[in-house]
Structure formats: C-alpha cells, structure tokens
ModelCIF file with pLDDT and N, C-alpha, C, O atoms, coordinates in Angstrom:
data_MODEL
#
_entry.id   MODEL 
#
_entity.id                         1 
_entity.type                       polymer 
_entity.pdbx_number_of_molecules   1 
#
_entity_poly.entity_id                      1 
_entity_poly.type                           'polypeptide(L)' 
_entity_poly.nstd_linkage                   no 
_entity_poly.nstd_monomer                   no 
_entity_poly.pdbx_seq_one_letter_code       GGSLRLSCVNSVNIFSFGSMGWYRQVPGKQRELVARITNGGNTNYAD 
_entity_poly.pdbx_seq_one_letter_code_can   GGSLRLSCVNSVNIFSFGSMGWYRQVPGKQRELVARITNGGNTNYAD 
_entity_poly.pdbx_strand_id                 A 
#
loop_
_entity_poly_seq.entity_id 
_entity_poly_seq.num 
_entity_poly_seq.mon_id 
_entity_poly_seq.hetero 
1 1  GLY n 
1 2  GLY n 
1 3  SER n 
1 4  LEU n 
1 5  ARG n 
1 6  LEU n 
1 7  SER n 
1 8  CYS n 
1 9  VAL n 
1 10 ASN n 
1 11 SER n 
1 12 VAL n 
1 13 ASN n 
1 14 ILE n 
1 15 PHE n 
1 16 SER n 
1 17 PHE n 
1 18 GLY n 
1 19 SER n 
1 20 MET n 
1 21 GLY n 
1 22 TRP n 
1 23 TYR n 
1 24 ARG n 
1 25 GLN n 
1 26 VAL n 
1 27 PRO n 
1 28 GLY n 
1 29 LYS n 
1 30 GLN n 
1 31 ARG n 
1 32 GLU n 
1 33 LEU n 
1 34 VAL n 
1 35 ALA n 
1 36 ARG n 
1 37 ILE n 
1 38 THR n 
1 39 ASN n 
1 40 GLY n 
1 41 GLY n 
1 42 ASN n 
1 43 THR n 
1 44 ASN n 
1 45 TYR n 
1 46 ALA n 
1 47 ASP n 
#
_struct_asym.id          A 
_struct_asym.entity_id   1 
#
loop_
_ma_qa_metric.id 
_ma_qa_metric.mode 
_ma_qa_metric.name 
_ma_qa_metric.software_group_id 
_ma_qa_metric.type 
1 global pLDDT . pLDDT 
2 local  pLDDT . pLDDT 
#
_ma_qa_metric_global.metric_id      1 
_ma_qa_metric_global.metric_value   94.09 
_ma_qa_metric_global.model_id       1 
_ma_qa_metric_global.ordinal_id     1 
#
loop_
_ma_qa_metric_local.label_asym_id 
_ma_qa_metric_local.label_comp_id 
_ma_qa_metric_local.label_seq_id 
_ma_qa_metric_local.metric_id 
_ma_qa_metric_local.metric_value 
_ma_qa_metric_local.model_id 
_ma_qa_metric_local.ordinal_id 
A GLY 1  2 98.00 1 1  
A GLY 2  2 98.00 1 2  
A SER 3  2 98.00 1 3  
A LEU 4  2 98.00 1 4  
A ARG 5  2 98.00 1 5  
A LEU 6  2 98.00 1 6  
A SER 7  2 98.00 1 7  
A CYS 8  2 97.00 1 8  
A VAL 9  2 95.00 1 9  
A ASN 10 2 91.00 1 10 
A SER 11 2 90.00 1 11 
A VAL 12 2 86.00 1 12 
A ASN 13 2 82.00 1 13 
A ILE 14 2 78.00 1 14 
A PHE 15 2 80.00 1 15 
A SER 16 2 81.00 1 16 
A PHE 17 2 87.00 1 17 
A GLY 18 2 89.00 1 18 
A SER 19 2 93.00 1 19 
A MET 20 2 95.00 1 20 
A GLY 21 2 96.00 1 21 
A TRP 22 2 98.00 1 22 
A TYR 23 2 98.00 1 23 
A ARG 24 2 98.00 1 24 
A GLN 25 2 98.00 1 25 
A VAL 26 2 97.00 1 26 
A PRO 27 2 94.00 1 27 
A GLY 28 2 95.00 1 28 
A LYS 29 2 96.00 1 29 
A GLN 30 2 96.00 1 30 
A ARG 31 2 97.00 1 31 
A GLU 32 2 97.00 1 32 
A LEU 33 2 98.00 1 33 
A VAL 34 2 98.00 1 34 
A ALA 35 2 98.00 1 35 
A ARG 36 2 97.00 1 36 
A ILE 37 2 96.00 1 37 
A THR 38 2 93.00 1 38 
A ASN 39 2 89.00 1 39 
A GLY 40 2 89.00 1 40 
A GLY 41 2 91.00 1 41 
A ASN 42 2 95.00 1 42 
A THR 43 2 97.00 1 43 
A ASN 44 2 97.00 1 44 
A TYR 45 2 98.00 1 45 
A ALA 46 2 98.00 1 46 
A ASP 47 2 98.00 1 47 
#
loop_
_atom_site.group_PDB 
_atom_site.id 
_atom_site.type_symbol 
_atom_site.label_atom_id 
_atom_site.label_alt_id 
_atom_site.label_comp_id 
_atom_site.label_asym_id 
_atom_site.label_entity_id 
_atom_site.label_seq_id 
_atom_site.pdbx_PDB_ins_code 
_atom_site.Cartn_x 
_atom_site.Cartn_y 
_atom_site.Cartn_z 
_atom_site.occupancy 
_atom_site.B_iso_or_equiv 
_atom_site.pdbx_formal_charge 
_atom_site.auth_seq_id 
_atom_site.auth_comp_id 
_atom_site.auth_asym_id 
_atom_site.auth_atom_id 
_atom_site.pdbx_PDB_model_num 
ATOM 1   N N  . GLY A 1 1  ? -6.322  -1.519  2.859   1.00 98.00 ? 1  GLY A N  1 
ATOM 2   C CA . GLY A 1 1  ? -6.869  -0.672  2.533   1.00 98.00 ? 1  GLY A CA 1 
ATOM 3   C C  . GLY A 1 1  ? -5.961  0.656   1.723   1.00 98.00 ? 1  GLY A C  1 
ATOM 4   O O  . GLY A 1 1  ? -6.403  1.664   1.172   1.00 98.00 ? 1  GLY A O  1 
ATOM 5   N N  . GLY A 1 2  ? -4.716  0.248   1.887   1.00 98.00 ? 2  GLY A N  1 
ATOM 6   C CA . GLY A 1 2  ? -3.693  1.273   1.641   1.00 98.00 ? 2  GLY A CA 1 
ATOM 7   C C  . GLY A 1 2  ? -3.487  0.836   0.034   1.00 98.00 ? 2  GLY A C  1 
ATOM 8   O O  . GLY A 1 2  ? -4.171  0.028   -0.595  1.00 98.00 ? 2  GLY A O  1 
ATOM 9   N N  . SER A 1 3  ? -2.192  1.713   -0.500  1.00 98.00 ? 3  SER A N  1 
ATOM 10  C CA . SER A 1 3  ? -1.787  1.480   -1.864  1.00 98.00 ? 3  SER A CA 1 
ATOM 11  C C  . SER A 1 3  ? -0.493  1.614   -2.082  1.00 98.00 ? 3  SER A C  1 
ATOM 12  O O  . SER A 1 3  ? 0.142   2.502   -1.514  1.00 98.00 ? 3  SER A O  1 
ATOM 13  N N  . LEU A 1 4  ? 0.053   0.789   -2.895  1.00 98.00 ? 4  LEU A N  1 
ATOM 14  C CA . LEU A 1 4  ? 1.403   0.706   -3.506  1.00 98.00 ? 4  LEU A CA 1 
ATOM 15  C C  . LEU A 1 4  ? 1.266   0.939   -5.042  1.00 98.00 ? 4  LEU A C  1 
ATOM 16  O O  . LEU A 1 4  ? 0.223   0.795   -5.681  1.00 98.00 ? 4  LEU A O  1 
ATOM 17  N N  . ARG A 1 5  ? 2.418   1.303   -5.513  1.00 98.00 ? 5  ARG A N  1 
ATOM 18  C CA . ARG A 1 5  ? 2.891   1.386   -6.935  1.00 98.00 ? 5  ARG A CA 1 
ATOM 19  C C  . ARG A 1 5  ? 4.069   0.645   -7.192  1.00 98.00 ? 5  ARG A C  1 
ATOM 20  O O  . ARG A 1 5  ? 5.168   1.032   -6.796  1.00 98.00 ? 5  ARG A O  1 
ATOM 21  N N  . LEU A 1 6  ? 3.858   -0.659  -7.993  1.00 98.00 ? 6  LEU A N  1 
ATOM 22  C CA . LEU A 1 6  ? 5.106   -1.245  -8.503  1.00 98.00 ? 6  LEU A CA 1 
ATOM 23  C C  . LEU A 1 6  ? 5.633   -0.798  -9.740  1.00 98.00 ? 6  LEU A C  1 
ATOM 24  O O  . LEU A 1 6  ? 4.820   -0.425  -10.585 1.00 98.00 ? 6  LEU A O  1 
ATOM 25  N N  . SER A 1 7  ? 6.834   -0.766  -10.001 1.00 98.00 ? 7  SER A N  1 
ATOM 26  C CA . SER A 1 7  ? 7.346   -0.495  -11.142 1.00 98.00 ? 7  SER A CA 1 
ATOM 27  C C  . SER A 1 7  ? 8.403   -1.407  -11.708 1.00 98.00 ? 7  SER A C  1 
ATOM 28  O O  . SER A 1 7  ? 9.207   -2.043  -11.027 1.00 98.00 ? 7  SER A O  1 
ATOM 29  N N  . CYS A 1 8  ? 8.315   -1.406  -13.102 1.00 97.00 ? 8  CYS A N  1 
ATOM 30  C CA . CYS A 1 8  ? 9.206   -2.490  -13.769 1.00 97.00 ? 8  CYS A CA 1 
ATOM 31  C C  . CYS A 1 8  ? 9.858   -1.805  -15.092 1.00 97.00 ? 8  CYS A C  1 
ATOM 32  O O  . CYS A 1 8  ? 9.370   -1.264  -16.084 1.00 97.00 ? 8  CYS A O  1 
ATOM 33  N N  . VAL A 1 9  ? 10.972  -2.032  -14.725 1.00 95.00 ? 9  VAL A N  1 
ATOM 34  C CA . VAL A 1 9  ? 11.898  -1.323  -15.740 1.00 95.00 ? 9  VAL A CA 1 
ATOM 35  C C  . VAL A 1 9  ? 12.626  -2.297  -16.814 1.00 95.00 ? 9  VAL A C  1 
ATOM 36  O O  . VAL A 1 9  ? 13.390  -3.142  -16.347 1.00 95.00 ? 9  VAL A O  1 
ATOM 37  N N  . ASN A 1 10 ? 12.495  -2.256  -17.833 1.00 91.00 ? 10 ASN A N  1 
ATOM 38  C CA . ASN A 1 10 ? 12.880  -3.195  -18.733 1.00 91.00 ? 10 ASN A CA 1 
ATOM 39  C C  . ASN A 1 10 ? 14.113  -2.542  -19.651 1.00 91.00 ? 10 ASN A C  1 
ATOM 40  O O  . ASN A 1 10 ? 14.151  -1.375  -20.041 1.00 91.00 ? 10 ASN A O  1 
ATOM 41  N N  . SER A 1 11 ? 14.886  -3.343  -19.846 1.00 90.00 ? 11 SER A N  1 
ATOM 42  C CA . SER A 1 11 ? 16.334  -3.107  -20.236 1.00 90.00 ? 11 SER A CA 1 
ATOM 43  C C  . SER A 1 11 ? 16.295  -2.818  -22.059 1.00 90.00 ? 11 SER A C  1 
ATOM 44  O O  . SER A 1 11 ? 17.121  -2.163  -22.694 1.00 90.00 ? 11 SER A O  1 
ATOM 45  N N  . VAL A 1 12 ? 15.406  -3.336  -22.454 1.00 86.00 ? 12 VAL A N  1 
ATOM 46  C CA . VAL A 1 12 ? 15.047  -3.076  -24.156 1.00 86.00 ? 12 VAL A CA 1 
ATOM 47  C C  . VAL A 1 12 ? 13.985  -2.710  -24.097 1.00 86.00 ? 12 VAL A C  1 
ATOM 48  O O  . VAL A 1 12 ? 13.233  -2.952  -23.153 1.00 86.00 ? 12 VAL A O  1 
ATOM 49  N N  . ASN A 1 13 ? 13.675  -2.000  -25.166 1.00 82.00 ? 13 ASN A N  1 
ATOM 50  C CA . ASN A 1 13 ? 12.193  -1.103  -25.550 1.00 82.00 ? 13 ASN A CA 1 
ATOM 51  C C  . ASN A 1 13 ? 11.050  -2.037  -25.521 1.00 82.00 ? 13 ASN A C  1 
ATOM 52  O O  . ASN A 1 13 ? 11.012  -3.036  -26.240 1.00 82.00 ? 13 ASN A O  1 
ATOM 53  N N  . ILE A 1 14 ? 10.046  -1.686  -24.628 1.00 78.00 ? 14 ILE A N  1 
ATOM 54  C CA . ILE A 1 14 ? 9.004   -2.404  -24.245 1.00 78.00 ? 14 ILE A CA 1 
ATOM 55  C C  . ILE A 1 14 ? 8.036   -2.653  -25.357 1.00 78.00 ? 14 ILE A C  1 
ATOM 56  O O  . ILE A 1 14 ? 6.964   -3.238  -25.199 1.00 78.00 ? 14 ILE A O  1 
ATOM 57  N N  . PHE A 1 15 ? 8.529   -2.115  -26.630 1.00 80.00 ? 15 PHE A N  1 
ATOM 58  C CA . PHE A 1 15 ? 7.615   -2.412  -27.771 1.00 80.00 ? 15 PHE A CA 1 
ATOM 59  C C  . PHE A 1 15 ? 8.296   -3.553  -28.597 1.00 80.00 ? 15 PHE A C  1 
ATOM 60  O O  . PHE A 1 15 ? 7.877   -3.963  -29.679 1.00 80.00 ? 15 PHE A O  1 
ATOM 61  N N  . SER A 1 16 ? 9.345   -3.985  -27.974 1.00 81.00 ? 16 SER A N  1 
ATOM 62  C CA . SER A 1 16 ? 9.807   -5.525  -28.693 1.00 81.00 ? 16 SER A CA 1 
ATOM 63  C C  . SER A 1 16 ? 8.971   -6.454  -28.160 1.00 81.00 ? 16 SER A C  1 
ATOM 64  O O  . SER A 1 16 ? 8.970   -7.515  -28.783 1.00 81.00 ? 16 SER A O  1 
ATOM 65  N N  . PHE A 1 17 ? 8.361   -6.409  -27.346 1.00 87.00 ? 17 PHE A N  1 
ATOM 66  C CA . PHE A 1 17 ? 7.096   -7.323  -26.770 1.00 87.00 ? 17 PHE A CA 1 
ATOM 67  C C  . PHE A 1 17 ? 5.811   -7.075  -27.123 1.00 87.00 ? 17 PHE A C  1 
ATOM 68  O O  . PHE A 1 17 ? 5.270   -5.990  -27.339 1.00 87.00 ? 17 PHE A O  1 
ATOM 69  N N  . GLY A 1 18 ? 5.290   -8.372  -27.170 1.00 89.00 ? 18 GLY A N  1 
ATOM 70  C CA . GLY A 1 18 ? 3.879   -8.498  -27.440 1.00 89.00 ? 18 GLY A CA 1 
ATOM 71  C C  . GLY A 1 18 ? 2.980   -7.958  -26.276 1.00 89.00 ? 18 GLY A C  1 
ATOM 72  O O  . GLY A 1 18 ? 1.914   -7.380  -26.491 1.00 89.00 ? 18 GLY A O  1 
ATOM 73  N N  . SER A 1 19 ? 3.426   -8.162  -25.180 1.00 93.00 ? 19 SER A N  1 
ATOM 74  C CA . SER A 1 19 ? 2.864   -7.654  -24.232 1.00 93.00 ? 19 SER A CA 1 
ATOM 75  C C  . SER A 1 19 ? 3.684   -7.942  -22.893 1.00 93.00 ? 19 SER A C  1 
ATOM 76  O O  . SER A 1 19 ? 4.480   -8.866  -22.724 1.00 93.00 ? 19 SER A O  1 
ATOM 77  N N  . MET A 1 20 ? 3.294   -6.883  -21.910 1.00 95.00 ? 20 MET A N  1 
ATOM 78  C CA . MET A 1 20 ? 3.918   -7.059  -20.383 1.00 95.00 ? 20 MET A CA 1 
ATOM 79  C C  . MET A 1 20 ? 3.151   -6.958  -19.394 1.00 95.00 ? 20 MET A C  1 
ATOM 80  O O  . MET A 1 20 ? 2.105   -6.309  -19.423 1.00 95.00 ? 20 MET A O  1 
ATOM 81  N N  . GLY A 1 21 ? 3.584   -7.596  -18.389 1.00 96.00 ? 21 GLY A N  1 
ATOM 82  C CA . GLY A 1 21 ? 2.240   -7.848  -17.358 1.00 96.00 ? 21 GLY A CA 1 
ATOM 83  C C  . GLY A 1 21 ? 2.991   -7.918  -15.735 1.00 96.00 ? 21 GLY A C  1 
ATOM 84  O O  . GLY A 1 21 ? 4.164   -7.778  -15.389 1.00 96.00 ? 21 GLY A O  1 
ATOM 85  N N  . TRP A 1 22 ? 2.020   -8.136  -15.135 1.00 98.00 ? 22 TRP A N  1 
ATOM 86  C CA . TRP A 1 22 ? 2.384   -8.592  -13.522 1.00 98.00 ? 22 TRP A CA 1 
ATOM 87  C C  . TRP A 1 22 ? 1.468   -9.803  -13.077 1.00 98.00 ? 22 TRP A C  1 
ATOM 88  O O  . TRP A 1 22 ? 0.239   -9.866  -13.119 1.00 98.00 ? 22 TRP A O  1 
ATOM 89  N N  . TYR A 1 23 ? 2.358   -10.726 -12.649 1.00 98.00 ? 23 TYR A N  1 
ATOM 90  C CA . TYR A 1 23 ? 1.941   -11.827 -11.952 1.00 98.00 ? 23 TYR A CA 1 
ATOM 91  C C  . TYR A 1 23 ? 2.304   -11.979 -10.444 1.00 98.00 ? 23 TYR A C  1 
ATOM 92  O O  . TYR A 1 23 ? 3.264   -11.363 -9.981  1.00 98.00 ? 23 TYR A O  1 
ATOM 93  N N  . ARG A 1 24 ? 1.481   -12.856 -9.628  1.00 98.00 ? 24 ARG A N  1 
ATOM 94  C CA . ARG A 1 24 ? 1.802   -12.839 -8.355  1.00 98.00 ? 24 ARG A CA 1 
ATOM 95  C C  . ARG A 1 24 ? 2.050   -14.325 -7.785  1.00 98.00 ? 24 ARG A C  1 
ATOM 96  O O  . ARG A 1 24 ? 1.621   -15.169 -8.571  1.00 98.00 ? 24 ARG A O  1 
ATOM 97  N N  . GLN A 1 25 ? 2.600   -14.832 -6.687  1.00 98.00 ? 25 GLN A N  1 
ATOM 98  C CA . GLN A 1 25 ? 2.690   -16.061 -6.340  1.00 98.00 ? 25 GLN A CA 1 
ATOM 99  C C  . GLN A 1 25 ? 2.851   -15.940 -4.738  1.00 98.00 ? 25 GLN A C  1 
ATOM 100 O O  . GLN A 1 25 ? 3.583   -15.210 -4.068  1.00 98.00 ? 25 GLN A O  1 
ATOM 101 N N  . VAL A 1 26 ? 1.922   -16.899 -4.371  1.00 97.00 ? 26 VAL A N  1 
ATOM 102 C CA . VAL A 1 26 ? 2.149   -17.107 -2.753  1.00 97.00 ? 26 VAL A CA 1 
ATOM 103 C C  . VAL A 1 26 ? 2.599   -18.744 -2.579  1.00 97.00 ? 26 VAL A C  1 
ATOM 104 O O  . VAL A 1 26 ? 2.144   -19.663 -3.262  1.00 97.00 ? 26 VAL A O  1 
ATOM 105 N N  . PRO A 1 27 ? 3.539   -18.864 -1.564  1.00 94.00 ? 27 PRO A N  1 
ATOM 106 C CA . PRO A 1 27 ? 3.969   -20.060 -1.529  1.00 94.00 ? 27 PRO A CA 1 
ATOM 107 C C  . PRO A 1 27 ? 3.090   -21.498 -1.494  1.00 94.00 ? 27 PRO A C  1 
ATOM 108 O O  . PRO A 1 27 ? 2.329   -21.736 -0.557  1.00 94.00 ? 27 PRO A O  1 
ATOM 109 N N  . GLY A 1 28 ? 3.230   -22.189 -2.328  1.00 95.00 ? 28 GLY A N  1 
ATOM 110 C CA . GLY A 1 28 ? 2.373   -23.767 -2.526  1.00 95.00 ? 28 GLY A CA 1 
ATOM 111 C C  . GLY A 1 28 ? 1.290   -23.518 -3.484  1.00 95.00 ? 28 GLY A C  1 
ATOM 112 O O  . GLY A 1 28 ? 0.453   -24.369 -3.786  1.00 95.00 ? 28 GLY A O  1 
ATOM 113 N N  . LYS A 1 29 ? 1.337   -22.203 -4.001  1.00 96.00 ? 29 LYS A N  1 
ATOM 114 C CA . LYS A 1 29 ? 0.390   -22.004 -4.917  1.00 96.00 ? 29 LYS A CA 1 
ATOM 115 C C  . LYS A 1 29 ? 1.176   -21.471 -6.403  1.00 96.00 ? 29 LYS A C  1 
ATOM 116 O O  . LYS A 1 29 ? 2.280   -20.932 -6.478  1.00 96.00 ? 29 LYS A O  1 
ATOM 117 N N  . GLN A 1 30 ? 0.206   -21.815 -7.566  1.00 96.00 ? 30 GLN A N  1 
ATOM 118 C CA . GLN A 1 30 ? 0.834   -21.195 -8.899  1.00 96.00 ? 30 GLN A CA 1 
ATOM 119 C C  . GLN A 1 30 ? 0.643   -19.847 -9.167  1.00 96.00 ? 30 GLN A C  1 
ATOM 120 O O  . GLN A 1 30 ? -0.237  -19.076 -8.783  1.00 96.00 ? 30 GLN A O  1 
ATOM 121 N N  . ARG A 1 31 ? 1.779   -19.658 -10.015 1.00 97.00 ? 31 ARG A N  1 
ATOM 122 C CA . ARG A 1 31 ? 1.846   -18.049 -10.088 1.00 97.00 ? 31 ARG A CA 1 
ATOM 123 C C  . ARG A 1 31 ? 0.598   -17.624 -11.164 1.00 97.00 ? 31 ARG A C  1 
ATOM 124 O O  . ARG A 1 31 ? 0.278   -18.287 -12.151 1.00 97.00 ? 31 ARG A O  1 
ATOM 125 N N  . GLU A 1 32 ? 0.037   -16.477 -10.767 1.00 97.00 ? 32 GLU A N  1 
ATOM 126 C CA . GLU A 1 32 ? -1.207  -16.208 -11.528 1.00 97.00 ? 32 GLU A CA 1 
ATOM 127 C C  . GLU A 1 32 ? -1.189  -14.681 -12.285 1.00 97.00 ? 32 GLU A C  1 
ATOM 128 O O  . GLU A 1 32 ? -0.377  -13.839 -11.902 1.00 97.00 ? 32 GLU A O  1 
ATOM 129 N N  . LEU A 1 33 ? -1.958  -14.446 -13.171 1.00 98.00 ? 33 LEU A N  1 
ATOM 130 C CA . LEU A 1 33 ? -1.964  -13.136 -13.806 1.00 98.00 ? 33 LEU A CA 1 
ATOM 131 C C  . LEU A 1 33 ? -2.504  -12.412 -12.893 1.00 98.00 ? 33 LEU A C  1 
ATOM 132 O O  . LEU A 1 33 ? -3.442  -12.805 -12.200 1.00 98.00 ? 33 LEU A O  1 
ATOM 133 N N  . VAL A 1 34 ? -1.857  -11.047 -12.781 1.00 98.00 ? 34 VAL A N  1 
ATOM 134 C CA . VAL A 1 34 ? -2.691  -9.928  -12.294 1.00 98.00 ? 34 VAL A CA 1 
ATOM 135 C C  . VAL A 1 34 ? -3.352  -9.038  -13.212 1.00 98.00 ? 34 VAL A C  1 
ATOM 136 O O  . VAL A 1 34 ? -4.561  -8.819  -13.286 1.00 98.00 ? 34 VAL A O  1 
ATOM 137 N N  . ALA A 1 35 ? -2.081  -8.371  -14.156 1.00 98.00 ? 35 ALA A N  1 
ATOM 138 C CA . ALA A 1 35 ? -2.580  -7.636  -15.138 1.00 98.00 ? 35 ALA A CA 1 
ATOM 139 C C  . ALA A 1 35 ? -1.699  -7.542  -16.122 1.00 98.00 ? 35 ALA A C  1 
ATOM 140 O O  . ALA A 1 35 ? -0.482  -7.611  -15.947 1.00 98.00 ? 35 ALA A O  1 
ATOM 141 N N  . ARG A 1 36 ? -2.333  -7.358  -17.365 1.00 97.00 ? 36 ARG A N  1 
ATOM 142 C CA . ARG A 1 36 ? -1.334  -7.403  -18.415 1.00 97.00 ? 36 ARG A CA 1 
ATOM 143 C C  . ARG A 1 36 ? -1.646  -6.206  -19.584 1.00 97.00 ? 36 ARG A C  1 
ATOM 144 O O  . ARG A 1 36 ? -2.816  -6.005  -19.913 1.00 97.00 ? 36 ARG A O  1 
ATOM 145 N N  . ILE A 1 37 ? -0.720  -5.548  -20.096 1.00 96.00 ? 37 ILE A N  1 
ATOM 146 C CA . ILE A 1 37 ? -0.882  -4.884  -21.057 1.00 96.00 ? 37 ILE A CA 1 
ATOM 147 C C  . ILE A 1 37 ? -0.193  -4.744  -22.528 1.00 96.00 ? 37 ILE A C  1 
ATOM 148 O O  . ILE A 1 37 ? 0.999   -4.465  -22.658 1.00 96.00 ? 37 ILE A O  1 
ATOM 149 N N  . THR A 1 38 ? -1.170  -4.993  -23.731 1.00 93.00 ? 38 THR A N  1 
ATOM 150 C CA . THR A 1 38 ? -0.406  -5.502  -24.773 1.00 93.00 ? 38 THR A CA 1 
ATOM 151 C C  . THR A 1 38 ? 0.199   -4.246  -25.440 1.00 93.00 ? 38 THR A C  1 
ATOM 152 O O  . THR A 1 38 ? 0.076   -3.166  -24.863 1.00 93.00 ? 38 THR A O  1 
ATOM 153 N N  . ASN A 1 39 ? 0.813   -4.324  -26.565 1.00 89.00 ? 39 ASN A N  1 
ATOM 154 C CA . ASN A 1 39 ? 1.563   -3.851  -27.461 1.00 89.00 ? 39 ASN A CA 1 
ATOM 155 C C  . ASN A 1 39 ? 0.642   -2.558  -27.962 1.00 89.00 ? 39 ASN A C  1 
ATOM 156 O O  . ASN A 1 39 ? 0.992   -1.402  -28.200 1.00 89.00 ? 39 ASN A O  1 
ATOM 157 N N  . GLY A 1 40 ? -0.621  -3.166  -28.032 1.00 89.00 ? 40 GLY A N  1 
ATOM 158 C CA . GLY A 1 40 ? -1.593  -2.020  -28.630 1.00 89.00 ? 40 GLY A CA 1 
ATOM 159 C C  . GLY A 1 40 ? -2.354  -0.976  -27.634 1.00 89.00 ? 40 GLY A C  1 
ATOM 160 O O  . GLY A 1 40 ? -3.010  0.034   -27.890 1.00 89.00 ? 40 GLY A O  1 
ATOM 161 N N  . GLY A 1 41 ? -2.028  -1.580  -26.447 1.00 91.00 ? 41 GLY A N  1 
ATOM 162 C CA . GLY A 1 41 ? -2.460  -0.760  -25.139 1.00 91.00 ? 41 GLY A CA 1 
ATOM 163 C C  . GLY A 1 41 ? -3.502  -1.580  -24.718 1.00 91.00 ? 41 GLY A C  1 
ATOM 164 O O  . GLY A 1 41 ? -3.811  -1.162  -23.602 1.00 91.00 ? 41 GLY A O  1 
ATOM 165 N N  . ASN A 1 42 ? -4.164  -2.463  -24.996 1.00 95.00 ? 42 ASN A N  1 
ATOM 166 C CA . ASN A 1 42 ? -5.204  -3.144  -24.453 1.00 95.00 ? 42 ASN A CA 1 
ATOM 167 C C  . ASN A 1 42 ? -4.819  -3.810  -23.200 1.00 95.00 ? 42 ASN A C  1 
ATOM 168 O O  . ASN A 1 42 ? -3.664  -4.208  -23.050 1.00 95.00 ? 42 ASN A O  1 
ATOM 169 N N  . THR A 1 43 ? -5.832  -3.976  -22.177 1.00 97.00 ? 43 THR A N  1 
ATOM 170 C CA . THR A 1 43 ? -5.252  -4.143  -20.861 1.00 97.00 ? 43 THR A CA 1 
ATOM 171 C C  . THR A 1 43 ? -6.554  -5.190  -20.424 1.00 97.00 ? 43 THR A C  1 
ATOM 172 O O  . THR A 1 43 ? -7.749  -5.088  -20.699 1.00 97.00 ? 43 THR A O  1 
ATOM 173 N N  . ASN A 1 44 ? -5.837  -6.210  -19.647 1.00 97.00 ? 44 ASN A N  1 
ATOM 174 C CA . ASN A 1 44 ? -6.721  -7.120  -19.027 1.00 97.00 ? 44 ASN A CA 1 
ATOM 175 C C  . ASN A 1 44 ? -6.219  -7.388  -17.435 1.00 97.00 ? 44 ASN A C  1 
ATOM 176 O O  . ASN A 1 44 ? -5.054  -7.224  -17.071 1.00 97.00 ? 44 ASN A O  1 
ATOM 177 N N  . TYR A 1 45 ? -7.348  -7.840  -16.536 1.00 98.00 ? 45 TYR A N  1 
ATOM 178 C CA . TYR A 1 45 ? -7.113  -7.960  -15.265 1.00 98.00 ? 45 TYR A CA 1 
ATOM 179 C C  . TYR A 1 45 ? -7.580  -9.214  -14.605 1.00 98.00 ? 45 TYR A C  1 
ATOM 180 O O  . TYR A 1 45 ? -8.547  -9.834  -15.049 1.00 98.00 ? 45 TYR A O  1 
ATOM 181 N N  . ALA A 1 46 ? -7.019  -9.538  -13.721 1.00 98.00 ? 46 ALA A N  1 
ATOM 182 C CA . ALA A 1 46 ? -7.663  -10.878 -12.782 1.00 98.00 ? 46 ALA A CA 1 
ATOM 183 C C  . ALA A 1 46 ? -8.880  -10.299 -12.252 1.00 98.00 ? 46 ALA A C  1 
ATOM 184 O O  . ALA A 1 46 ? -8.913  -9.131  -11.863 1.00 98.00 ? 46 ALA A O  1 
ATOM 185 N N  . ASP A 1 47 ? -9.978  -11.149 -12.218 1.00 98.00 ? 47 ASP A N  1 
ATOM 186 C CA . ASP A 1 47 ? -11.306 -10.610 -11.524 1.00 98.00 ? 47 ASP A CA 1 
ATOM 187 C C  . ASP A 1 47 ? -11.125 -10.103 -9.880  1.00 98.00 ? 47 ASP A C  1 
ATOM 188 O O  . ASP A 1 47 ? -12.095 -9.671  -9.258  1.00 98.00 ? 47 ASP A O  1 
#
C-alpha cells in the first residue's frame, strides 16, 4: 500500500533516445516492461 519514486539519471540528453523506460526482473523470470515514455511523450504501461 505504500509508495516509492524511482529516479534514473542519464549521462546524455534524453532526447538522444527514442524512448526511455523501466523494466523489472525477479529471479528465474524474464525481465518485463513496466512503463515507457517516448520522445514524443507517449506512455505505455504493463497491465
């Protein structure tokens, strides 16, 4: 029920990339997409 905020600092201009996002992984499972934001500001999330 609690909250956390993750931060990711990039060493270069983030507009150098088509998108940036967050993935997560637990032992024994594949890394999965959590959320992504594109250069144009579009977002998508895991269900």
